[in-house]
């Protein structure tokens, strides 16, 4: 009990230093936990920003033939609306063809990775 009073008095005297040290300890613990999760979950194997993956990054192509976005500026004409509906119908058909709980739903082809 006596040591707790001394500790409490010490914290009251050195509040700023105590809070800075506490913040550093909490951030270090959170960093260690997040790095452990990064390695344990397998996300590290998918991270192409790591050194040694320059070749893999160069092989990635930006195929935007199906992923063209609409301009936020411009007029809303019937042709733009029809284009949007066509794209939406194609995506809905593609999603409908996958099925609800198909085991191939997460295949590379369905995810567009091939």
PDB file of N, CA and C in Angstrom:
ATOM      1  N   UNK A   1       0.813  -1.178   0.000  1.00  0.00           N
ATOM      2  CA  UNK A   1       0.000   0.000   0.000  1.00  0.00           C
ATOM      3  C   UNK A   1       0.868   1.258   0.000  1.00  0.00           C
ATOM      4  N   UNK A   2       1.962   1.188   0.718  1.00  0.00           N
ATOM      5  CA  UNK A   2       2.860   2.327   0.803  1.00  0.00           C
ATOM      6  C   UNK A   2       3.531   2.589  -0.538  1.00  0.00           C
ATOM      7  N   UNK A   3       3.878   1.514  -1.260  1.00  0.00           N
ATOM      8  CA  UNK A   3       4.528   1.682  -2.563  1.00  0.00           C
ATOM      9  C   UNK A   3       3.545   2.246  -3.595  1.00  0.00           C
ATOM     10  N   UNK A   4       2.259   1.898  -3.461  1.00  0.00           N
ATOM     11  CA  UNK A   4       1.249   2.441  -4.375  1.00  0.00           C
ATOM     12  C   UNK A   4       1.114   3.948  -4.186  1.00  0.00           C
ATOM     13  N   UNK A   5       1.175   4.403  -2.925  1.00  0.00           N
ATOM     14  CA  UNK A   5       1.092   5.839  -2.662  1.00  0.00           C
ATOM     15  C   UNK A   5       2.297   6.566  -3.241  1.00  0.00           C
ATOM     16  N   UNK A   6       3.473   5.943  -3.123  1.00  0.00           N
ATOM     17  CA  UNK A   6       4.678   6.556  -3.697  1.00  0.00           C
ATOM     18  C   UNK A   6       4.569   6.622  -5.221  1.00  0.00           C
ATOM     19  N   UNK A   7       4.045   5.555  -5.807  1.00  0.00           N
ATOM     20  CA  UNK A   7       3.886   5.522  -7.270  1.00  0.00           C
ATOM     21  C   UNK A   7       2.876   6.575  -7.725  1.00  0.00           C
ATOM     22  N   UNK A   8       1.789   6.709  -6.985  1.00  0.00           N
ATOM     23  CA  UNK A   8       0.771   7.699  -7.311  1.00  0.00           C
ATOM     24  C   UNK A   8       1.342   9.114  -7.197  1.00  0.00           C
ATOM     25  N   UNK A   9       2.128   9.345  -6.163  1.00  0.00           N
ATOM     26  CA  UNK A   9       2.744  10.658  -5.979  1.00  0.00           C
ATOM     27  C   UNK A   9       3.746  10.938  -7.100  1.00  0.00           C
ATOM     28  N   UNK A  10       4.488   9.913  -7.517  1.00  0.00           N
ATOM     29  CA  UNK A  10       5.444  10.067  -8.612  1.00  0.00           C
ATOM     30  C   UNK A  10       4.719  10.420  -9.911  1.00  0.00           C
ATOM     31  N   UNK A  11       3.589   9.733 -10.179  1.00  0.00           N
ATOM     32  CA  UNK A  11       2.818  10.028 -11.394  1.00  0.00           C
ATOM     33  C   UNK A  11       2.243  11.440 -11.367  1.00  0.00           C
ATOM     34  N   UNK A  12       1.815  11.888 -10.224  1.00  0.00           N
ATOM     35  CA  UNK A  12       1.270  13.240 -10.116  1.00  0.00           C
ATOM     36  C   UNK A  12       2.349  14.286 -10.347  1.00  0.00           C
ATOM     37  N   UNK A  13       3.547  13.999  -9.928  1.00  0.00           N
ATOM     38  CA  UNK A  13       4.650  14.938 -10.109  1.00  0.00           C
ATOM     39  C   UNK A  13       5.138  14.973 -11.549  1.00  0.00           C
ATOM     40  N   UNK A  14       5.094  13.819 -12.232  1.00  0.00           N
ATOM     41  CA  UNK A  14       5.647  13.710 -13.592  1.00  0.00           C
ATOM     42  C   UNK A  14       4.552  13.272 -14.567  1.00  0.00           C
ATOM     43  N   UNK A  15       3.478  14.024 -14.642  1.00  0.00           N
ATOM     44  CA  UNK A  15       2.340  13.643 -15.473  1.00  0.00           C
ATOM     45  C   UNK A  15       2.694  13.626 -16.956  1.00  0.00           C
ATOM     46  N   UNK A  16       3.332  14.659 -17.450  1.00  0.00           N
ATOM     47  CA  UNK A  16       3.632  14.747 -18.879  1.00  0.00           C
ATOM     48  C   UNK A  16       4.543  13.603 -19.317  1.00  0.00           C
ATOM     49  N   UNK A  17       5.597  13.368 -18.580  1.00  0.00           N
ATOM     50  CA  UNK A  17       6.523  12.291 -18.926  1.00  0.00           C
ATOM     51  C   UNK A  17       5.824  10.932 -18.860  1.00  0.00           C
ATOM     52  N   UNK A  18       4.975  10.768 -17.869  1.00  0.00           N
ATOM     53  CA  UNK A  18       4.257   9.495 -17.730  1.00  0.00           C
ATOM     54  C   UNK A  18       3.346   9.253 -18.926  1.00  0.00           C
ATOM     55  N   UNK A  19       2.620  10.289 -19.354  1.00  0.00           N
ATOM     56  CA  UNK A  19       1.707  10.118 -20.482  1.00  0.00           C
ATOM     57  C   UNK A  19       2.458   9.909 -21.794  1.00  0.00           C
ATOM     58  N   UNK A  20       3.598  10.552 -21.960  1.00  0.00           N
ATOM     59  CA  UNK A  20       4.398  10.336 -23.171  1.00  0.00           C
ATOM     60  C   UNK A  20       4.914   8.900 -23.203  1.00  0.00           C
ATOM     61  N   UNK A  21       5.415   8.431 -22.095  1.00  0.00           N
ATOM     62  CA  UNK A  21       5.913   7.050 -22.028  1.00  0.00           C
ATOM     63  C   UNK A  21       4.772   6.064 -22.246  1.00  0.00           C
ATOM     64  N   UNK A  22       3.612   6.323 -21.666  1.00  0.00           N
ATOM     65  CA  UNK A  22       2.455   5.449 -21.847  1.00  0.00           C
ATOM     66  C   UNK A  22       2.021   5.426 -23.319  1.00  0.00           C
ATOM     67  N   UNK A  23       2.033   6.575 -23.973  1.00  0.00           N
ATOM     68  CA  UNK A  23       1.657   6.630 -25.393  1.00  0.00           C
ATOM     69  C   UNK A  23       2.645   5.850 -26.251  1.00  0.00           C
ATOM     70  N   UNK A  24       3.922   5.939 -25.947  1.00  0.00           N
ATOM     71  CA  UNK A  24       4.933   5.197 -26.703  1.00  0.00           C
ATOM     72  C   UNK A  24       4.766   3.695 -26.487  1.00  0.00           C
ATOM     73  N   UNK A  25       4.499   3.289 -25.267  1.00  0.00           N
ATOM     74  CA  UNK A  25       4.320   1.862 -24.974  1.00  0.00           C
ATOM     75  C   UNK A  25       3.081   1.324 -25.691  1.00  0.00           C
ATOM     76  N   UNK A  26       1.975   2.076 -25.656  1.00  0.00           N
ATOM     77  CA  UNK A  26       0.754   1.627 -26.337  1.00  0.00           C
ATOM     78  C   UNK A  26       0.970   1.533 -27.838  1.00  0.00           C
ATOM     79  N   UNK A  27       1.638   2.523 -28.425  1.00  0.00           N
ATOM     80  CA  UNK A  27       1.876   2.475 -29.869  1.00  0.00           C
ATOM     81  C   UNK A  27       2.815   1.330 -30.242  1.00  0.00           C
ATOM     82  N   UNK A  28       3.790   1.038 -29.403  1.00  0.00           N
ATOM     83  CA  UNK A  28       4.685  -0.087 -29.680  1.00  0.00           C
ATOM     84  C   UNK A  28       3.925  -1.412 -29.619  1.00  0.00           C
ATOM     85  N   UNK A  29       3.055  -1.549 -28.638  1.00  0.00           N
ATOM     86  CA  UNK A  29       2.256  -2.778 -28.523  1.00  0.00           C
ATOM     87  C   UNK A  29       1.344  -2.935 -29.726  1.00  0.00           C
ATOM     88  N   UNK A  30       0.695  -1.859 -30.137  1.00  0.00           N
ATOM     89  CA  UNK A  30      -0.195  -1.930 -31.296  1.00  0.00           C
ATOM     90  C   UNK A  30       0.573  -2.241 -32.573  1.00  0.00           C
ATOM     91  N   UNK A  31       1.775  -1.711 -32.720  1.00  0.00           N
ATOM     92  CA  UNK A  31       2.600  -2.006 -33.889  1.00  0.00           C
ATOM     93  C   UNK A  31       3.003  -3.473 -33.917  1.00  0.00           C
ATOM     94  N   UNK A  32       3.393  -4.003 -32.778  1.00  0.00           N
ATOM     95  CA  UNK A  32       3.788  -5.413 -32.711  1.00  0.00           C
ATOM     96  C   UNK A  32       2.595  -6.307 -33.057  1.00  0.00           C
ATOM     97  N   UNK A  33       1.432  -5.989 -32.528  1.00  0.00           N
ATOM     98  CA  UNK A  33       0.243  -6.798 -32.812  1.00  0.00           C
ATOM     99  C   UNK A  33      -0.127  -6.712 -34.288  1.00  0.00           C
ATOM    100  N   UNK A  34      -0.081  -5.515 -34.869  1.00  0.00           N
ATOM    101  CA  UNK A  34      -0.443  -5.383 -36.282  1.00  0.00           C
ATOM    102  C   UNK A  34       0.554  -6.095 -37.186  1.00  0.00           C
ATOM    103  N   UNK A  35       1.844  -6.057 -36.865  1.00  0.00           N
ATOM    104  CA  UNK A  35       2.831  -6.781 -37.664  1.00  0.00           C
ATOM    105  C   UNK A  35       2.643  -8.293 -37.520  1.00  0.00           C
ATOM    106  N   UNK A  36       2.281  -8.737 -36.329  1.00  0.00           N
ATOM    107  CA  UNK A  36       2.023 -10.163 -36.143  1.00  0.00           C
ATOM    108  C   UNK A  36       0.825 -10.594 -36.985  1.00  0.00           C
ATOM    109  N   UNK A  37      -0.244  -9.791 -36.981  1.00  0.00           N
ATOM    110  CA  UNK A  37      -1.406 -10.103 -37.800  1.00  0.00           C
ATOM    111  C   UNK A  37      -1.058 -10.076 -39.284  1.00  0.00           C
ATOM    112  N   UNK A  38      -0.225  -9.144 -39.700  1.00  0.00           N
ATOM    113  CA  UNK A  38       0.201  -9.027 -41.097  1.00  0.00           C
ATOM    114  C   UNK A  38       0.916 -10.290 -41.547  1.00  0.00           C
ATOM    115  N   UNK A  39       1.760 -10.833 -40.685  1.00  0.00           N
ATOM    116  CA  UNK A  39       2.503 -12.040 -41.052  1.00  0.00           C
ATOM    117  C   UNK A  39       1.661 -13.299 -40.869  1.00  0.00           C
ATOM    118  N   UNK A  40       0.883 -13.381 -39.807  1.00  0.00           N
ATOM    119  CA  UNK A  40       0.126 -14.597 -39.500  1.00  0.00           C
ATOM    120  C   UNK A  40      -1.041 -14.806 -40.450  1.00  0.00           C
ATOM    121  N   UNK A  41      -1.626 -13.728 -40.954  1.00  0.00           N
ATOM    122  CA  UNK A  41      -2.803 -13.868 -41.812  1.00  0.00           C
ATOM    123  C   UNK A  41      -2.447 -14.203 -43.257  1.00  0.00           C
ATOM    124  N   UNK A  42      -1.183 -14.087 -43.632  1.00  0.00           N
ATOM    125  CA  UNK A  42      -0.783 -14.381 -44.998  1.00  0.00           C
ATOM    126  C   UNK A  42      -0.849 -13.174 -45.915  1.00  0.00           C
ATOM    127  N   UNK A  43      -1.223 -12.032 -45.388  1.00  0.00           N
ATOM    128  CA  UNK A  43      -1.286 -10.821 -46.204  1.00  0.00           C
ATOM    129  C   UNK A  43       0.094 -10.437 -46.711  1.00  0.00           C
ATOM    130  N   UNK A  44       1.115 -10.769 -45.959  1.00  0.00           N
ATOM    131  CA  UNK A  44       2.478 -10.438 -46.353  1.00  0.00           C
ATOM    132  C   UNK A  44       2.834 -11.093 -47.687  1.00  0.00           C
ATOM    133  N   UNK A  45       2.274 -12.268 -47.947  1.00  0.00           N
ATOM    134  CA  UNK A  45       2.580 -12.973 -49.184  1.00  0.00           C
ATOM    135  C   UNK A  45       1.950 -12.286 -50.390  1.00  0.00           C
ATOM    136  N   UNK A  46       0.901 -11.497 -50.175  1.00  0.00           N
ATOM    137  CA  UNK A  46       0.211 -10.818 -51.263  1.00  0.00           C
ATOM    138  C   UNK A  46       0.728  -9.408 -51.511  1.00  0.00           C
ATOM    139  N   UNK A  47       1.551  -8.891 -50.641  1.00  0.00           N
ATOM    140  CA  UNK A  47       1.999  -7.507 -50.719  1.00  0.00           C
ATOM    141  C   UNK A  47       3.085  -7.365 -51.782  1.00  0.00           C
ATOM    142  N   UNK A  48       2.731  -6.738 -52.889  1.00  0.00           N
ATOM    143  CA  UNK A  48       3.682  -6.565 -53.990  1.00  0.00           C
ATOM    144  C   UNK A  48       4.559  -5.339 -53.816  1.00  0.00           C
ATOM    145  N   UNK A  49       4.382  -4.582 -52.758  1.00  0.00           N
ATOM    146  CA  UNK A  49       5.216  -3.406 -52.556  1.00  0.00           C
ATOM    147  C   UNK A  49       6.523  -3.751 -51.849  1.00  0.00           C
ATOM    148  N   UNK A  50       6.667  -5.007 -51.441  1.00  0.00           N
ATOM    149  CA  UNK A  50       7.895  -5.410 -50.758  1.00  0.00           C
ATOM    150  C   UNK A  50       9.046  -5.484 -51.748  1.00  0.00           C
ATOM    151  N   UNK A  51      10.265  -5.294 -51.267  1.00  0.00           N
ATOM    152  CA  UNK A  51      11.425  -5.424 -52.149  1.00  0.00           C
ATOM    153  C   UNK A  51      11.519  -6.843 -52.722  1.00  0.00           C
ATOM    154  N   UNK A  52      11.953  -6.955 -53.947  1.00  0.00           N
ATOM    155  CA  UNK A  52      12.087  -8.249 -54.595  1.00  0.00           C
ATOM    156  C   UNK A  52      10.920  -8.585 -55.496  1.00  0.00           C
ATOM    157  N   UNK A  53       9.895  -7.765 -55.515  1.00  0.00           N
ATOM    158  CA  UNK A  53       8.716  -8.018 -56.337  1.00  0.00           C
ATOM    159  C   UNK A  53       8.606  -7.035 -57.504  1.00  0.00           C
ATOM    160  N   UNK A  54       9.738  -6.460 -57.911  1.00  0.00           N
ATOM    161  CA  UNK A  54       9.725  -5.502 -59.018  1.00  0.00           C
ATOM    162  C   UNK A  54       9.203  -6.154 -60.296  1.00  0.00           C
ATOM    163  N   UNK A  55       9.615  -7.378 -60.560  1.00  0.00           N
ATOM    164  CA  UNK A  55       9.180  -8.085 -61.765  1.00  0.00           C
ATOM    165  C   UNK A  55       7.679  -8.333 -61.736  1.00  0.00           C
ATOM    166  N   UNK A  56       7.162  -8.723 -60.596  1.00  0.00           N
ATOM    167  CA  UNK A  56       5.720  -8.975 -60.485  1.00  0.00           C
ATOM    168  C   UNK A  56       4.930  -7.683 -60.667  1.00  0.00           C
ATOM    169  N   UNK A  57       5.451  -6.571 -60.167  1.00  0.00           N
ATOM    170  CA  UNK A  57       4.756  -5.296 -60.342  1.00  0.00           C
ATOM    171  C   UNK A  57       4.740  -4.873 -61.802  1.00  0.00           C
ATOM    172  N   UNK A  58       5.806  -5.182 -62.537  1.00  0.00           N
ATOM    173  CA  UNK A  58       5.867  -4.800 -63.944  1.00  0.00           C
ATOM    174  C   UNK A  58       4.928  -5.645 -64.789  1.00  0.00           C
ATOM    175  N   UNK A  59       4.624  -6.867 -64.350  1.00  0.00           N
ATOM    176  CA  UNK A  59       3.751  -7.753 -65.118  1.00  0.00           C
ATOM    177  C   UNK A  59       2.275  -7.418 -64.952  1.00  0.00           C
ATOM    178  N   UNK A  60       1.952  -6.570 -63.990  1.00  0.00           N
ATOM    179  CA  UNK A  60       0.559  -6.205 -63.765  1.00  0.00           C
ATOM    180  C   UNK A  60       0.127  -5.253 -64.868  1.00  0.00           C
ATOM    181  N   UNK A  61      -0.975  -5.604 -65.504  1.00  0.00           N
ATOM    182  CA  UNK A  61      -1.500  -4.749 -66.560  1.00  0.00           C
ATOM    183  C   UNK A  61      -2.781  -4.095 -66.065  1.00  0.00           C
ATOM    184  N   UNK A  62      -3.007  -2.911 -66.545  1.00  0.00           N
ATOM    185  CA  UNK A  62      -4.215  -2.179 -66.163  1.00  0.00           C
ATOM    186  C   UNK A  62      -5.223  -2.329 -67.281  1.00  0.00           C
ATOM    187  N   UNK A  63      -5.965  -3.425 -67.260  1.00  0.00           N
ATOM    188  CA  UNK A  63      -6.972  -3.691 -68.279  1.00  0.00           C
ATOM    189  C   UNK A  63      -8.259  -3.020 -67.848  1.00  0.00           C
ATOM    190  N   UNK A  64      -8.512  -1.869 -68.407  1.00  0.00           N
ATOM    191  CA  UNK A  64      -9.692  -1.112 -67.991  1.00  0.00           C
ATOM    192  C   UNK A  64     -10.792  -1.188 -69.038  1.00  0.00           C
ATOM    193  N   UNK A  65     -10.792  -2.244 -69.856  1.00  0.00           N
ATOM    194  CA  UNK A  65     -11.810  -2.344 -70.890  1.00  0.00           C
ATOM    195  C   UNK A  65     -13.206  -2.512 -70.288  1.00  0.00           C
ATOM    196  N   UNK A  66     -13.324  -3.231 -69.182  1.00  0.00           N
ATOM    197  CA  UNK A  66     -14.619  -3.425 -68.536  1.00  0.00           C
ATOM    198  C   UNK A  66     -14.845  -2.464 -67.373  1.00  0.00           C
ATOM    199  N   UNK A  67     -13.799  -1.762 -66.981  1.00  0.00           N
ATOM    200  CA  UNK A  67     -13.891  -0.907 -65.798  1.00  0.00           C
ATOM    201  C   UNK A  67     -13.761   0.569 -66.134  1.00  0.00           C
ATOM    202  N   UNK A  68     -14.386   1.014 -67.142  1.00  0.00           N
ATOM    203  CA  UNK A  68     -14.318   2.434 -67.468  1.00  0.00           C
ATOM    204  C   UNK A  68     -15.286   3.182 -66.575  1.00  0.00           C
ATOM    205  N   UNK A  69     -14.801   4.223 -65.972  1.00  0.00           N
ATOM    206  CA  UNK A  69     -15.672   4.995 -65.086  1.00  0.00           C
ATOM    207  C   UNK A  69     -16.287   6.159 -65.857  1.00  0.00           C
ATOM    208  N   UNK A  70     -17.334   6.645 -65.310  1.00  0.00           N
ATOM    209  CA  UNK A  70     -18.017   7.781 -65.921  1.00  0.00           C
ATOM    210  C   UNK A  70     -17.429   9.067 -65.381  1.00  0.00           C
ATOM    211  N   UNK A  71     -17.424  10.071 -66.214  1.00  0.00           N
ATOM    212  CA  UNK A  71     -16.918  11.372 -65.810  1.00  0.00           C
ATOM    213  C   UNK A  71     -17.904  12.028 -64.842  1.00  0.00           C
ATOM    214  N   UNK A  72     -17.400  12.607 -63.771  1.00  0.00           N
ATOM    215  CA  UNK A  72     -18.312  13.289 -62.851  1.00  0.00           C
ATOM    216  C   UNK A  72     -18.841  14.598 -63.435  1.00  0.00           C
ATOM    217  N   UNK A  73     -18.186  15.068 -64.466  1.00  0.00           N
ATOM    218  CA  UNK A  73     -18.611  16.300 -65.123  1.00  0.00           C
ATOM    219  C   UNK A  73     -19.233  15.948 -66.464  1.00  0.00           C
ATOM    220  N   UNK A  74     -20.087  16.791 -66.947  1.00  0.00           N
ATOM    221  CA  UNK A  74     -20.692  16.560 -68.245  1.00  0.00           C
ATOM    222  C   UNK A  74     -22.194  16.465 -68.137  1.00  0.00           C
ATOM    223  N   UNK A  75     -22.788  16.345 -69.290  1.00  0.00           N
ATOM    224  CA  UNK A  75     -24.248  16.326 -69.310  1.00  0.00           C
ATOM    225  C   UNK A  75     -24.772  14.897 -69.198  1.00  0.00           C
ATOM    226  N   UNK A  76     -25.976  14.799 -68.712  1.00  0.00           N
ATOM    227  CA  UNK A  76     -26.645  13.511 -68.556  1.00  0.00           C
ATOM    228  C   UNK A  76     -27.594  13.341 -69.736  1.00  0.00           C
ATOM    229  N   UNK A  77     -27.111  12.605 -70.728  1.00  0.00           N
ATOM    230  CA  UNK A  77     -27.884  12.421 -71.955  1.00  0.00           C
ATOM    231  C   UNK A  77     -28.435  11.005 -72.000  1.00  0.00           C
ATOM    232  N   UNK A  78     -29.406  10.760 -72.865  1.00  0.00           N
ATOM    233  CA  UNK A  78     -29.939   9.392 -72.985  1.00  0.00           C
ATOM    234  C   UNK A  78     -28.875   8.365 -73.383  1.00  0.00           C
ATOM    235  N   UNK A  79     -27.900   8.770 -74.177  1.00  0.00           N
ATOM    236  CA  UNK A  79     -26.854   7.821 -74.565  1.00  0.00           C
ATOM    237  C   UNK A  79     -25.985   7.438 -73.366  1.00  0.00           C
ATOM    238  N   UNK A  80     -25.723   8.388 -72.479  1.00  0.00           N
ATOM    239  CA  UNK A  80     -24.943   8.098 -71.272  1.00  0.00           C
ATOM    240  C   UNK A  80     -25.735   7.163 -70.357  1.00  0.00           C
ATOM    241  N   UNK A  81     -27.011   7.419 -70.210  1.00  0.00           N
ATOM    242  CA  UNK A  81     -27.862   6.563 -69.368  1.00  0.00           C
ATOM    243  C   UNK A  81     -27.930   5.150 -69.944  1.00  0.00           C
ATOM    244  N   UNK A  82     -28.079   5.024 -71.262  1.00  0.00           N
ATOM    245  CA  UNK A  82     -28.121   3.702 -71.897  1.00  0.00           C
ATOM    246  C   UNK A  82     -26.792   2.976 -71.738  1.00  0.00           C
ATOM    247  N   UNK A  83     -25.680   3.713 -71.845  1.00  0.00           N
ATOM    248  CA  UNK A  83     -24.361   3.105 -71.649  1.00  0.00           C
ATOM    249  C   UNK A  83     -24.239   2.575 -70.224  1.00  0.00           C
ATOM    250  N   UNK A  84     -24.680   3.367 -69.255  1.00  0.00           N
ATOM    251  CA  UNK A  84     -24.633   2.931 -67.861  1.00  0.00           C
ATOM    252  C   UNK A  84     -25.491   1.686 -67.650  1.00  0.00           C
ATOM    253  N   UNK A  85     -26.690   1.686 -68.204  1.00  0.00           N
ATOM    254  CA  UNK A  85     -27.580   0.526 -68.042  1.00  0.00           C
ATOM    255  C   UNK A  85     -26.994  -0.718 -68.693  1.00  0.00           C
ATOM    256  N   UNK A  86     -26.359  -0.561 -69.846  1.00  0.00           N
ATOM    257  CA  UNK A  86     -25.727  -1.716 -70.507  1.00  0.00           C
ATOM    258  C   UNK A  86     -24.630  -2.296 -69.635  1.00  0.00           C
ATOM    259  N   UNK A  87     -23.782  -1.427 -69.102  1.00  0.00           N
ATOM    260  CA  UNK A  87     -22.700  -1.904 -68.232  1.00  0.00           C
ATOM    261  C   UNK A  87     -23.263  -2.571 -66.980  1.00  0.00           C
ATOM    262  N   UNK A  88     -24.284  -1.961 -66.393  1.00  0.00           N
ATOM    263  CA  UNK A  88     -24.895  -2.524 -65.194  1.00  0.00           C
ATOM    264  C   UNK A  88     -25.510  -3.887 -65.482  1.00  0.00           C
ATOM    265  N   UNK A  89     -26.197  -4.027 -66.598  1.00  0.00           N
ATOM    266  CA  UNK A  89     -26.809  -5.316 -66.956  1.00  0.00           C
ATOM    267  C   UNK A  89     -25.757  -6.392 -67.181  1.00  0.00           C
ATOM    268  N   UNK A  90     -24.624  -6.026 -67.804  1.00  0.00           N
ATOM    269  CA  UNK A  90     -23.544  -7.001 -68.002  1.00  0.00           C
ATOM    270  C   UNK A  90     -23.001  -7.487 -66.661  1.00  0.00           C
ATOM    271  N   UNK A  91     -22.780  -6.545 -65.737  1.00  0.00           N
ATOM    272  CA  UNK A  91     -22.261  -6.929 -64.422  1.00  0.00           C
ATOM    273  C   UNK A  91     -23.278  -7.759 -63.639  1.00  0.00           C
ATOM    274  N   UNK A  92     -24.557  -7.402 -63.735  1.00  0.00           N
ATOM    275  CA  UNK A  92     -25.576  -8.183 -63.044  1.00  0.00           C
ATOM    276  C   UNK A  92     -25.671  -9.587 -63.602  1.00  0.00           C
ATOM    277  N   UNK A  93     -25.541  -9.725 -64.907  1.00  0.00           N
ATOM    278  CA  UNK A  93     -25.579 -11.059 -65.523  1.00  0.00           C
ATOM    279  C   UNK A  93     -24.374 -11.872 -65.083  1.00  0.00           C
ATOM    280  N   UNK A  94     -23.222 -11.220 -65.046  1.00  0.00           N
ATOM    281  CA  UNK A  94     -22.010 -11.910 -64.607  1.00  0.00           C
ATOM    282  C   UNK A  94     -22.141 -12.367 -63.152  1.00  0.00           C
ATOM    283  N   UNK A  95     -22.694 -11.517 -62.309  1.00  0.00           N
ATOM    284  CA  UNK A  95     -22.902 -11.894 -60.909  1.00  0.00           C
ATOM    285  C   UNK A  95     -23.944 -13.001 -60.776  1.00  0.00           C
ATOM    286  N   UNK A  96     -24.997 -12.942 -61.598  1.00  0.00           N
ATOM    287  CA  UNK A  96     -26.031 -13.969 -61.543  1.00  0.00           C
ATOM    288  C   UNK A  96     -25.526 -15.321 -62.002  1.00  0.00           C
ATOM    289  N   UNK A  97     -24.582 -15.325 -62.950  1.00  0.00           N
ATOM    290  CA  UNK A  97     -24.019 -16.582 -63.442  1.00  0.00           C
ATOM    291  C   UNK A  97     -23.126 -17.263 -62.415  1.00  0.00           C
ATOM    292  N   UNK A  98     -22.615 -16.506 -61.455  1.00  0.00           N
ATOM    293  CA  UNK A  98     -21.707 -17.085 -60.469  1.00  0.00           C
ATOM    294  C   UNK A  98     -22.437 -17.993 -59.493  1.00  0.00           C
ATOM    295  N   UNK A  99     -23.666 -17.708 -59.196  1.00  0.00           N
ATOM    296  CA  UNK A  99     -24.379 -18.505 -58.201  1.00  0.00           C
ATOM    297  C   UNK A  99     -24.139 -17.951 -56.813  1.00  0.00           C
ATOM    298  N   UNK A 100     -24.963 -18.392 -55.881  1.00  0.00           N
ATOM    299  CA  UNK A 100     -24.890 -17.836 -54.533  1.00  0.00           C
ATOM    300  C   UNK A 100     -23.702 -18.360 -53.735  1.00  0.00           C
ATOM    301  N   UNK A 101     -23.589 -19.679 -53.629  1.00  0.00           N
ATOM    302  CA  UNK A 101     -22.562 -20.261 -52.785  1.00  0.00           C
ATOM    303  C   UNK A 101     -21.695 -21.233 -53.575  1.00  0.00           C
ATOM    304  N   UNK A 102     -21.290 -20.817 -54.746  1.00  0.00           N
ATOM    305  CA  UNK A 102     -20.467 -21.650 -55.607  1.00  0.00           C
ATOM    306  C   UNK A 102     -19.040 -21.682 -55.061  1.00  0.00           C
ATOM    307  N   UNK A 103     -18.421 -22.852 -55.115  1.00  0.00           N
ATOM    308  CA  UNK A 103     -17.048 -22.958 -54.615  1.00  0.00           C
ATOM    309  C   UNK A 103     -16.060 -22.224 -55.518  1.00  0.00           C
ATOM    310  N   UNK A 104     -16.443 -21.940 -56.743  1.00  0.00           N
ATOM    311  CA  UNK A 104     -15.567 -21.214 -57.658  1.00  0.00           C
ATOM    312  C   UNK A 104     -15.789 -19.710 -57.598  1.00  0.00           C
ATOM    313  N   UNK A 105     -16.577 -19.227 -56.671  1.00  0.00           N
ATOM    314  CA  UNK A 105     -16.885 -17.796 -56.601  1.00  0.00           C
ATOM    315  C   UNK A 105     -15.637 -16.961 -56.349  1.00  0.00           C
ATOM    316  N   UNK A 106     -14.647 -17.524 -55.689  1.00  0.00           N
ATOM    317  CA  UNK A 106     -13.421 -16.790 -55.409  1.00  0.00           C
ATOM    318  C   UNK A 106     -12.253 -17.240 -56.276  1.00  0.00           C
ATOM    319  N   UNK A 107     -12.542 -17.861 -57.403  1.00  0.00           N
ATOM    320  CA  UNK A 107     -11.471 -18.286 -58.301  1.00  0.00           C
ATOM    321  C   UNK A 107     -10.861 -17.068 -58.979  1.00  0.00           C
ATOM    322  N   UNK A 108      -9.663 -17.247 -59.518  1.00  0.00           N
ATOM    323  CA  UNK A 108      -8.968 -16.147 -60.166  1.00  0.00           C
ATOM    324  C   UNK A 108      -9.762 -15.588 -61.339  1.00  0.00           C
ATOM    325  N   UNK A 109     -10.419 -16.444 -62.078  1.00  0.00           N
ATOM    326  CA  UNK A 109     -11.196 -15.994 -63.229  1.00  0.00           C
ATOM    327  C   UNK A 109     -12.379 -15.128 -62.830  1.00  0.00           C
ATOM    328  N   UNK A 110     -13.089 -15.562 -61.789  1.00  0.00           N
ATOM    329  CA  UNK A 110     -14.226 -14.771 -61.326  1.00  0.00           C
ATOM    330  C   UNK A 110     -13.820 -13.461 -60.689  1.00  0.00           C
ATOM    331  N   UNK A 111     -12.653 -13.425 -60.104  1.00  0.00           N
ATOM    332  CA  UNK A 111     -12.169 -12.188 -59.486  1.00  0.00           C
ATOM    333  C   UNK A 111     -11.488 -11.287 -60.512  1.00  0.00           C
ATOM    334  N   UNK A 112     -11.339 -11.761 -61.737  1.00  0.00           N
ATOM    335  CA  UNK A 112     -10.719 -10.950 -62.780  1.00  0.00           C
ATOM    336  C   UNK A 112      -9.212 -10.881 -62.667  1.00  0.00           C
ATOM    337  N   UNK A 113      -8.588 -11.884 -62.074  1.00  0.00           N
ATOM    338  CA  UNK A 113      -7.142 -11.882 -61.906  1.00  0.00           C
ATOM    339  C   UNK A 113      -6.409 -12.600 -63.036  1.00  0.00           C
ATOM    340  N   UNK A 114      -7.153 -13.277 -63.903  1.00  0.00           N
ATOM    341  CA  UNK A 114      -6.501 -14.003 -65.010  1.00  0.00           C
ATOM    342  C   UNK A 114      -6.390 -13.143 -66.214  1.00  0.00           C
TER     343      UNK A 114
END
